[in-house]
Amino acid sequence: MAEAEAHGIDLREATSLDAPAIVMLVRALARVMDVVTPVDEAYVCDYLASLGSGILVADDVGQVVGLLSYSIRPSLVHAGRSCVIEELVVDQTTQLQGIGTQLVEDLLRRAAGWGCVEVSVATLAGQRGAIQFYKARGFSDDAVLLEKHLRAGDEQASASSPGSPKLPGG
């Protein structure tokens, strides 16, 4: 964190006051990924209030210029906590200044302090730059993440799930 602070960047946990900036950054990331995101300020606030979820922000004199969202969950295989990096995005105007590195390094320190036994991240297969970025920071490609996207309100999905799963803290 010291290097980021030396450049006027403060790394901190996000608050609901950061929601507008977080929405803008997530929408920018979605455009790069060529997807549409329904994220809005209310969802960001719900995310921040969710047990085990958080967002680190890079604050440049009151302006959020980067974020790293994460979640912590129990892992049966590791018999301990596992931290997952969900999104990492830095404003286009401040990219290549070490902010992403600082966010990742700060999360790694925090995760170790929280007793996490691993930190993992998934990125799109074609994002060679992102893959190289994480490998350069000690991550390895030990696993493959497969996804099946479900739409909220999809009749087939809701017909096969009679109730909501028990969510942490819910």
Protein backbone atom coordinates (compact mmCIF):
# COMPACT_ATOMS: atom_id res chain seq x y z
CA MET A 1 0.00 0.00 0.00
CA ALA A 2 2.90 2.37 0.62
CA GLU A 3 3.76 2.62 -3.11
CA ALA A 4 0.17 3.47 -3.98
CA GLU A 5 0.03 6.08 -1.23
CA ALA A 6 3.28 7.60 -2.50
CA HIS A 7 1.45 8.27 -5.79
CA GLY A 8 -1.52 9.87 -4.00
CA ILE A 9 -3.60 6.69 -4.17
CA ASP A 10 -5.32 5.43 -1.03
CA LEU A 11 -6.46 1.79 -0.99
CA ARG A 12 -9.50 1.23 1.22
CA GLU A 13 -12.71 -0.75 1.63
CA ALA A 14 -15.56 0.72 -0.40
CA THR A 15 -18.62 2.24 1.22
CA SER A 16 -22.07 2.91 -0.14
CA LEU A 17 -20.89 6.44 -0.98
CA ASP A 18 -18.61 4.87 -3.61
CA ALA A 19 -21.53 3.16 -5.39
CA PRO A 20 -21.81 5.63 -8.32
CA ALA A 21 -18.10 5.32 -9.16
CA ILE A 22 -18.21 1.53 -8.75
CA VAL A 23 -21.15 1.31 -11.17
CA MET A 24 -19.23 3.35 -13.75
CA LEU A 25 -16.11 1.17 -13.44
CA VAL A 26 -18.08 -2.10 -13.63
CA ARG A 27 -19.96 -0.85 -16.69
CA ALA A 28 -16.64 0.08 -18.33
CA LEU A 29 -15.35 -3.44 -17.61
CA ALA A 30 -18.53 -4.96 -19.07
CA ARG A 31 -18.06 -2.96 -22.28
CA VAL A 32 -14.52 -4.31 -22.64
CA MET A 33 -15.91 -7.83 -22.07
CA ASP A 34 -18.65 -7.10 -24.65
CA VAL A 35 -21.42 -7.89 -22.17
CA VAL A 36 -24.31 -5.89 -20.76
CA THR A 37 -24.47 -5.54 -16.99
CA PRO A 38 -27.57 -4.68 -14.99
CA VAL A 39 -25.43 -3.37 -12.10
CA ASP A 40 -26.78 -0.26 -10.39
CA GLU A 41 -26.10 1.62 -7.16
CA ALA A 42 -28.69 -0.38 -5.20
CA TYR A 43 -27.02 -3.66 -6.21
CA VAL A 44 -23.58 -2.32 -5.24
CA CYS A 45 -24.96 -1.43 -1.80
CA ASP A 46 -26.52 -4.91 -1.47
CA TYR A 47 -23.19 -6.45 -2.50
CA LEU A 48 -21.31 -4.42 0.10
CA ALA A 49 -23.80 -5.51 2.76
CA SER A 50 -23.47 -9.21 1.84
CA LEU A 51 -21.60 -11.35 4.32
CA GLY A 52 -18.21 -12.31 2.92
CA SER A 53 -18.24 -9.84 0.03
CA GLY A 54 -16.24 -6.66 -0.29
CA ILE A 55 -14.75 -4.15 -2.65
CA LEU A 56 -11.36 -2.51 -2.33
CA VAL A 57 -11.11 0.82 -4.08
CA ALA A 58 -8.17 2.90 -5.23
CA ASP A 59 -8.98 6.46 -4.23
CA ASP A 60 -7.06 9.29 -5.91
CA VAL A 61 -7.83 12.39 -3.85
CA GLY A 62 -11.53 11.57 -3.54
CA GLN A 63 -11.94 9.99 -6.98
CA VAL A 64 -12.28 6.20 -7.25
CA VAL A 65 -9.95 5.14 -10.07
CA GLY A 66 -9.93 1.38 -9.55
CA LEU A 67 -11.64 -1.45 -7.75
CA LEU A 68 -11.18 -5.07 -6.81
CA SER A 69 -14.27 -6.98 -5.71
CA TYR A 70 -13.90 -10.19 -3.76
CA SER A 71 -15.76 -12.78 -1.79
CA ILE A 72 -14.70 -15.14 0.95
CA ARG A 73 -16.23 -18.57 1.32
CA PRO A 74 -15.44 -21.77 3.15
CA SER A 75 -13.59 -24.46 1.21
CA LEU A 76 -14.14 -28.09 2.18
CA VAL A 77 -11.11 -29.35 0.27
CA HIS A 78 -8.78 -26.88 1.96
CA ALA A 79 -10.66 -26.96 5.27
CA GLY A 80 -10.34 -23.19 5.45
CA ARG A 81 -11.42 -19.92 3.93
CA SER A 82 -10.98 -19.25 0.24
CA CYS A 83 -10.93 -15.75 -1.23
CA VAL A 84 -12.10 -15.19 -4.80
CA ILE A 85 -11.25 -12.09 -6.83
CA GLU A 86 -14.39 -11.35 -8.78
CA GLU A 87 -13.59 -8.16 -10.67
CA LEU A 88 -10.51 -6.01 -11.03
CA VAL A 89 -10.84 -2.83 -13.05
CA VAL A 90 -8.81 0.37 -13.25
CA ASP A 91 -10.08 3.50 -14.96
CA GLN A 92 -8.64 3.75 -18.46
CA THR A 93 -7.02 7.11 -17.65
CA THR A 94 -4.96 5.62 -14.82
CA GLN A 95 -4.06 2.21 -16.24
CA LEU A 96 -0.43 1.04 -16.34
CA GLN A 97 0.42 3.03 -13.19
CA GLY A 98 0.53 0.03 -10.83
CA ILE A 99 -2.93 0.51 -9.34
CA GLY A 100 -4.14 -2.98 -10.29
CA THR A 101 -0.99 -4.49 -8.80
CA GLN A 102 -1.48 -2.52 -5.60
CA LEU A 103 -5.10 -3.65 -5.30
CA VAL A 104 -4.14 -7.31 -5.77
CA GLU A 105 -1.22 -7.11 -3.34
CA ASP A 106 -3.41 -5.37 -0.76
CA LEU A 107 -6.06 -8.08 -1.08
CA LEU A 108 -3.43 -10.82 -0.73
CA ARG A 109 -2.21 -9.24 2.54
CA ARG A 110 -5.76 -8.87 3.84
CA ALA A 111 -6.71 -12.43 2.84
CA ALA A 112 -3.70 -13.82 4.70
CA GLY A 113 -4.75 -11.79 7.74
CA TRP A 114 -8.28 -13.17 7.49
CA GLY A 115 -6.89 -16.70 7.59
CA CYS A 116 -7.60 -17.54 3.95
CA VAL A 117 -5.72 -20.55 2.62
CA GLU A 118 -5.95 -19.50 -1.03
CA VAL A 119 -6.90 -16.63 -3.31
CA SER A 120 -8.25 -17.47 -6.75
CA VAL A 121 -9.32 -15.51 -9.79
CA ALA A 122 -11.02 -16.33 -13.07
CA THR A 123 -10.62 -14.38 -16.28
CA LEU A 124 -11.85 -14.87 -19.82
CA ALA A 125 -9.73 -17.37 -21.74
CA GLY A 126 -8.84 -14.87 -24.46
CA GLN A 127 -7.66 -12.20 -22.03
CA ARG A 128 -3.94 -12.95 -22.39
CA GLY A 129 -2.96 -9.66 -20.75
CA ALA A 130 -5.04 -10.42 -17.67
CA ILE A 131 -3.69 -13.98 -17.48
CA GLN A 132 -0.10 -12.71 -17.70
CA PHE A 133 -0.88 -10.02 -15.09
CA TYR A 134 -2.07 -12.59 -12.55
CA LYS A 135 0.72 -15.08 -13.33
CA ALA A 136 3.29 -12.32 -12.77
CA ARG A 137 1.79 -11.90 -9.29
CA GLY A 138 2.16 -15.55 -8.34
CA PHE A 139 -1.15 -17.00 -9.55
CA SER A 140 -1.06 -20.28 -11.47
CA ASP A 141 -3.50 -21.88 -13.88
CA ASP A 142 -4.21 -24.95 -11.77
CA ALA A 143 -7.96 -25.04 -12.43
CA VAL A 144 -10.52 -24.42 -15.13
CA LEU A 145 -13.70 -22.47 -14.43
CA LEU A 146 -16.80 -23.49 -16.35
CA GLU A 147 -19.93 -21.35 -16.29
CA LYS A 148 -23.59 -21.72 -17.12
CA HIS A 149 -25.42 -18.41 -17.08
CA LEU A 150 -28.91 -18.40 -15.58
CA ARG A 151 -31.37 -15.58 -16.06
CA ALA A 152 -33.36 -14.32 -13.11
CA GLY A 153 -37.02 -15.10 -13.73
CA ASP A 154 -36.26 -17.88 -16.21
CA GLU A 155 -39.25 -20.27 -15.88
CA GLN A 156 -37.14 -23.38 -16.36
CA ALA A 157 -34.60 -22.34 -13.73
CA SER A 158 -37.26 -21.35 -11.19
CA ALA A 159 -39.32 -24.49 -11.81
CA SER A 160 -36.36 -26.69 -10.93
CA SER A 161 -35.51 -24.77 -7.75
CA PRO A 162 -38.39 -24.84 -5.25
CA GLY A 163 -36.77 -22.45 -2.80
CA SER A 164 -33.91 -20.06 -2.44
CA PRO A 165 -30.63 -21.48 -1.21
CA LYS A 166 -29.49 -20.47 2.23
CA LEU A 167 -27.02 -17.65 1.67
CA PRO A 168 -24.39 -16.71 4.22
CA GLY A 169 -25.87 -14.19 6.60
CA GLY A 170 -29.31 -14.62 5.03
